[in-house]
Protein backbone atom coordinates (compact mmCIF):
# COMPACT_ATOMS: atom_id res chain seq x y z
CA MET A 1 22.07 45.37 79.44
CA VAL A 2 25.73 46.30 79.14
CA ASN A 3 28.16 43.65 80.33
CA LEU A 4 31.06 45.11 82.26
CA ASN A 5 34.36 43.37 82.59
CA PRO A 6 35.18 42.21 86.15
CA MET A 7 37.73 44.98 86.78
CA THR A 8 35.20 47.66 85.83
CA GLN A 9 32.69 46.10 88.21
CA VAL A 10 35.28 46.05 91.02
CA ALA A 11 36.14 49.69 90.37
CA ARG A 12 32.47 50.59 90.79
CA THR A 13 32.07 48.62 94.03
CA SER A 14 31.54 50.71 97.13
CA PHE A 15 33.94 49.35 99.71
CA ASP A 16 32.04 50.80 102.63
CA GLU A 17 31.24 49.44 106.09
CA VAL A 18 28.28 47.49 104.71
CA TRP A 19 30.50 45.71 102.18
CA PHE A 20 33.09 44.78 104.82
CA GLU A 21 30.38 43.62 107.23
CA THR A 22 28.83 41.45 104.51
CA VAL A 23 32.17 39.79 103.75
CA PHE A 24 32.87 39.28 107.45
CA LEU A 25 29.42 37.82 108.16
CA ALA A 26 29.69 35.42 105.21
CA LEU A 27 33.00 34.10 106.53
CA ASP A 28 31.62 33.97 110.06
CA ARG A 29 28.64 31.89 108.85
CA LEU A 30 31.05 29.56 107.07
CA HIS A 31 33.05 29.19 110.27
CA ASP A 32 29.90 28.45 112.28
CA ALA A 33 28.80 25.84 109.73
CA VAL A 34 32.12 23.98 109.63
CA SER A 35 32.31 24.10 113.43
CA GLU A 36 28.96 22.33 113.67
CA GLN A 37 29.20 19.80 110.84
CA SER A 38 31.43 18.26 108.22
CA PRO A 39 32.57 20.62 105.45
CA ALA A 40 31.31 18.03 102.96
CA ASN A 41 27.78 18.58 104.30
CA ILE A 42 27.70 22.35 103.82
CA SER A 43 29.01 22.83 100.30
CA THR A 44 29.01 21.24 96.89
CA ILE A 45 32.75 21.84 96.56
CA ALA A 46 35.37 19.57 98.08
CA PRO A 47 36.85 20.54 101.46
CA ALA A 48 40.30 20.89 99.87
CA GLU A 49 38.85 23.33 97.35
CA MET A 50 37.21 25.31 100.17
CA VAL A 51 40.57 25.54 101.91
CA GLY A 52 42.19 26.68 98.67
CA TRP A 53 39.62 29.45 98.25
CA LEU A 54 40.07 30.55 101.86
CA GLU A 55 43.86 30.60 101.50
CA ASP A 56 43.50 32.75 98.37
CA ILE A 57 41.12 35.09 100.22
CA ILE A 58 43.51 35.39 103.16
CA TYR A 59 46.49 36.05 100.89
CA THR A 60 44.58 38.69 98.93
CA ALA A 61 43.36 40.36 102.13
CA GLN A 62 46.91 40.46 103.52
CA GLU A 63 48.17 42.01 100.28
CA ALA A 64 45.39 44.61 100.42
CA ILE A 65 46.41 45.48 103.99
CA VAL A 66 50.02 46.00 102.87
CA GLU A 67 48.89 48.25 100.00
CA ILE A 68 46.60 50.29 102.26
CA ARG A 69 49.32 50.76 104.86
CA GLU A 70 51.88 51.77 102.22
CA LYS A 71 49.55 54.30 100.62
CA THR A 72 48.25 55.81 103.86
CA PRO A 73 51.18 55.65 106.31
CA ASP A 74 49.82 58.50 108.43
CA GLN A 75 46.51 56.67 108.94
CA THR A 76 47.75 53.13 109.44
CA MET A 77 46.36 51.23 112.38
CA THR A 78 48.53 48.53 113.89
CA GLU A 79 47.16 45.14 114.83
CA ALA A 80 47.55 46.06 118.51
CA GLU A 81 45.54 49.26 118.07
CA TYR A 82 42.86 47.34 116.20
CA ALA A 83 42.63 44.67 118.91
CA GLY A 84 41.94 47.37 121.37
């Protein structure tokens, strides 16, 4: 088996609706779990570390949004349009 570096693997990822739905559902399940019980009971990592990961995810997602909007200005959807 050929080992690919992480950037090669990312480049080969299909960022389709299934991928986005999977990411969303994983975060939604996390939200449901922490709403129902202590974060310490749902993960082997410390709550502060969970928060750190989530902050990194949010930051990265926001940066991706900026890049997408800059590179496709004629197709950009505003937050208000998205909300419906």
